[in-house]
């Protein structure tokens, strides 16, 4: 009788998903700059539709990043409020791994590794390489770097076109030098895919106290301060 709620707001997309005793449901919206207004109402909507209360849940899963700094903070704030209020454990899931999970679910015959990439702004991308298994496993660490530097990585260079490219980060021209077998840019982290990965972690007992849960930004504080200065100048000008 497992019940798990999943949330994600790491990109322009905003989504929630719910697993109740073998049945899953989800809500997905492209809601750039509206995450604050939409995420909690979406949680209320999906719980009410399933006649499920917050206190009935066994855990809350969330997309821990990498992704939008603001989006991750919004999601983390909502998860903290819900988990503290109902005394629930949480499950932290990589947004890049969730993207790979979604692609695999839609393309079960694929056997090539998957390079998921999100636009990190500042002419950089977040990326990670994953296996094509039913439950994708990380083949590299997750990174943030200039698009031109990705193809220079030893593990990527050795694949020589034998990979699938997914995610909006692939709009950078410098990434095209990798020449993947297939490029699918319209792939976002989705709570329904986070939910699939979270269920596996739940079965393994890999739960966190909300006090120990943290978003993953990948960028250090210096980069974020530089980004904030750029935003301030843009607003002032």
Foldseek 3Di string as FASTA:
>chain_A
DAKEKEWEQQELKTKIKIDDPHDIDMDIDRHHPCCLVPRVVRVVVVCVVVVHDLLNHQEYEYAQDDGDPVRNVSRLVVRVVSCVVNVHWYHYDHLQQLLLLVVCVVPVPDFFKEWEWEDPPPQKIWIFIWGSPNRTDTPDDIAIDHLLCVCVDPVLVVCQQRYEYEALRVVDPSNCVSNHVYYHHPTGRYRVSSVVVVVVCVVVVNTHRSVPDHHDHNDDPVVVVVVVVVVVVVVVD
